[in-house]
Amino acid sequence: MAHDIPHNALILVADGGKAILLRNTAKGDGEVSLREERRLTLSDFSNDGPSGSQPQEGNAREVDEATFAKKLAQTLQSMKASNGYEALVIAADPETLGQIRNAMHKTVEQAVVKSLSKNLTNSSADAIAAALAK
């Protein structure tokens, strides 16, 4: 339900190689209106190199996707630590969502008010808002 998404909540929309950070600017209960804050790709983290353990049988794409998910989780932690958000919504394809959840810090996990297992990275802000409002 949309009323689960408070005003000023941070919305992360991600897949294995790109992410969009948005804010819910709607002030009314049950409304979702999104404003884009920033876009991230694996190249934004390219100087960091792989993070943590790598999959045993993983190909380069799988390693990149796992690294990207871990870096997104670290970005969410940094933002949370600097009071960047109180409430968090995550919409990601199932694999990326699982990887982010596995790498998520407990304080970030506690801020999650909604998660959606769906790839919306190529959708418009209006389409993302509509998907979150369901």
Protein backbone atom coordinates (compact mmCIF):
# COMPACT_ATOMS: atom_id res chain seq x y z
CA MET A 1 0.00 0.00 0.00
CA ALA A 2 1.22 3.46 -0.86
CA HIS A 3 0.55 4.85 2.61
CA ASP A 4 3.44 2.67 3.75
CA ILE A 5 5.75 5.03 1.87
CA PRO A 6 6.20 8.19 3.93
CA HIS A 7 7.02 11.64 2.64
CA ASN A 8 10.76 12.01 1.90
CA ALA A 9 11.36 8.24 1.83
CA LEU A 10 14.36 7.18 -0.23
CA ILE A 11 13.45 4.89 -3.11
CA LEU A 12 16.15 2.64 -4.62
CA VAL A 13 15.31 1.14 -8.02
CA ALA A 14 18.06 -1.22 -9.15
CA ASP A 15 19.12 -4.08 -11.35
CA GLY A 16 22.50 -5.79 -11.69
CA GLY A 17 24.19 -2.83 -13.38
CA LYS A 18 22.34 0.40 -12.72
CA ALA A 19 20.37 2.10 -9.98
CA ILE A 20 18.19 5.16 -9.54
CA LEU A 21 17.76 6.94 -6.21
CA LEU A 22 14.47 8.82 -5.88
CA ARG A 23 12.52 10.63 -3.14
CA ASN A 24 8.84 10.46 -2.40
CA THR A 25 7.81 14.12 -2.50
CA ALA A 26 4.08 13.48 -1.96
CA LYS A 27 2.81 14.93 1.28
CA GLY A 28 -0.59 13.25 1.29
CA ASP A 29 -1.27 9.87 2.83
CA GLY A 30 -1.50 7.17 0.19
CA GLU A 31 0.24 9.20 -2.50
CA VAL A 32 3.53 8.57 -4.24
CA SER A 33 5.25 11.30 -6.26
CA LEU A 34 8.89 10.72 -7.13
CA ARG A 35 11.79 13.07 -7.75
CA GLU A 36 15.05 11.65 -9.07
CA GLU A 37 18.13 12.38 -6.97
CA ARG A 38 20.88 10.39 -8.62
CA ARG A 39 21.77 7.52 -10.94
CA LEU A 40 24.50 4.98 -10.28
CA THR A 41 26.19 2.41 -12.48
CA LEU A 42 28.95 -0.10 -11.87
CA SER A 43 31.43 2.38 -13.37
CA ASP A 44 30.70 4.74 -10.46
CA PHE A 45 32.36 2.14 -8.23
CA SER A 46 34.98 0.90 -10.73
CA ASN A 47 37.96 2.18 -8.74
CA ASP A 48 36.86 0.19 -5.71
CA GLY A 49 37.27 -3.27 -7.23
CA PRO A 50 35.32 -6.35 -6.12
CA SER A 51 33.90 -6.30 -2.64
CA GLY A 52 33.87 -9.33 -0.36
CA SER A 53 33.94 -12.94 -1.49
CA GLN A 54 33.28 -13.77 -5.12
CA PRO A 55 31.03 -16.56 -6.41
CA GLN A 56 32.98 -19.79 -6.91
CA GLU A 57 31.68 -20.49 -10.42
CA GLY A 58 30.79 -16.94 -11.36
CA ASN A 59 31.46 -15.39 -14.73
CA ALA A 60 32.55 -11.77 -15.07
CA ARG A 61 28.96 -10.48 -15.38
CA GLU A 62 27.87 -12.29 -12.20
CA VAL A 63 30.88 -10.94 -10.31
CA ASP A 64 30.11 -7.41 -11.53
CA GLU A 65 26.46 -7.72 -10.51
CA ALA A 66 27.34 -9.05 -7.06
CA THR A 67 29.90 -6.27 -6.61
CA PHE A 68 27.39 -3.65 -7.70
CA ALA A 69 24.78 -4.93 -5.22
CA LYS A 70 27.33 -4.83 -2.37
CA LYS A 71 28.40 -1.30 -3.31
CA LEU A 72 24.75 -0.21 -3.39
CA ALA A 73 24.29 -1.66 0.10
CA GLN A 74 27.38 0.28 1.26
CA THR A 75 26.01 3.47 -0.32
CA LEU A 76 22.72 2.98 1.51
CA GLN A 77 24.65 2.50 4.77
CA SER A 78 26.66 5.71 4.23
CA MET A 79 23.51 7.66 3.47
CA LYS A 80 21.76 6.23 6.53
CA ALA A 81 24.74 7.07 8.76
CA SER A 82 24.65 10.68 7.57
CA ASN A 83 20.89 10.96 8.19
CA GLY A 84 20.15 10.78 4.45
CA TYR A 85 16.81 9.04 5.04
CA GLU A 86 14.50 7.60 7.67
CA ALA A 87 12.46 5.28 5.44
CA LEU A 88 13.69 3.21 2.50
CA VAL A 89 11.89 1.45 -0.35
CA ILE A 90 13.76 -0.99 -2.58
CA ALA A 91 12.56 -2.16 -5.99
CA ALA A 92 14.94 -4.52 -7.77
CA ASP A 93 14.99 -7.65 -9.86
CA PRO A 94 14.84 -10.75 -7.61
CA GLU A 95 18.55 -11.60 -7.82
CA THR A 96 19.75 -8.05 -7.15
CA LEU A 97 17.21 -7.62 -4.36
CA GLY A 98 18.55 -10.76 -2.66
CA GLN A 99 22.15 -9.64 -3.04
CA ILE A 100 21.40 -6.19 -1.60
CA ARG A 101 19.51 -7.73 1.33
CA ASN A 102 22.42 -10.07 2.08
CA ALA A 103 24.88 -7.15 2.16
CA MET A 104 22.60 -4.71 3.98
CA HIS A 105 23.60 -3.30 7.36
CA LYS A 106 21.10 -3.81 10.19
CA THR A 107 20.31 -0.07 10.47
CA VAL A 108 19.48 0.04 6.76
CA GLU A 109 17.38 -3.12 7.07
CA GLN A 110 15.37 -1.50 9.88
CA ALA A 111 14.58 1.51 7.65
CA VAL A 112 13.02 -0.61 4.86
CA VAL A 113 9.28 0.05 4.75
CA LYS A 114 8.61 -1.74 1.46
CA SER A 115 10.41 -3.90 -1.07
CA LEU A 116 9.30 -4.91 -4.53
CA SER A 117 10.87 -7.79 -6.44
CA LYS A 118 10.57 -6.27 -9.90
CA ASN A 119 12.96 -4.65 -12.37
CA LEU A 120 11.78 -1.05 -12.87
CA THR A 121 15.09 0.56 -13.88
CA ASN A 122 13.89 1.25 -17.43
CA SER A 123 10.54 2.66 -16.26
CA SER A 124 9.50 6.29 -15.97
CA ALA A 125 9.13 7.91 -12.56
CA ASP A 126 5.34 7.82 -13.03
CA ALA A 127 5.42 4.08 -13.81
CA ILE A 128 7.64 3.44 -10.78
CA ALA A 129 5.27 5.47 -8.57
CA ALA A 130 2.31 3.49 -9.89
CA ALA A 131 4.07 0.16 -9.18
CA LEU A 132 4.91 1.27 -5.64
CA ALA A 133 1.37 2.49 -5.00
CA LYS A 134 -0.09 -1.01 -5.52
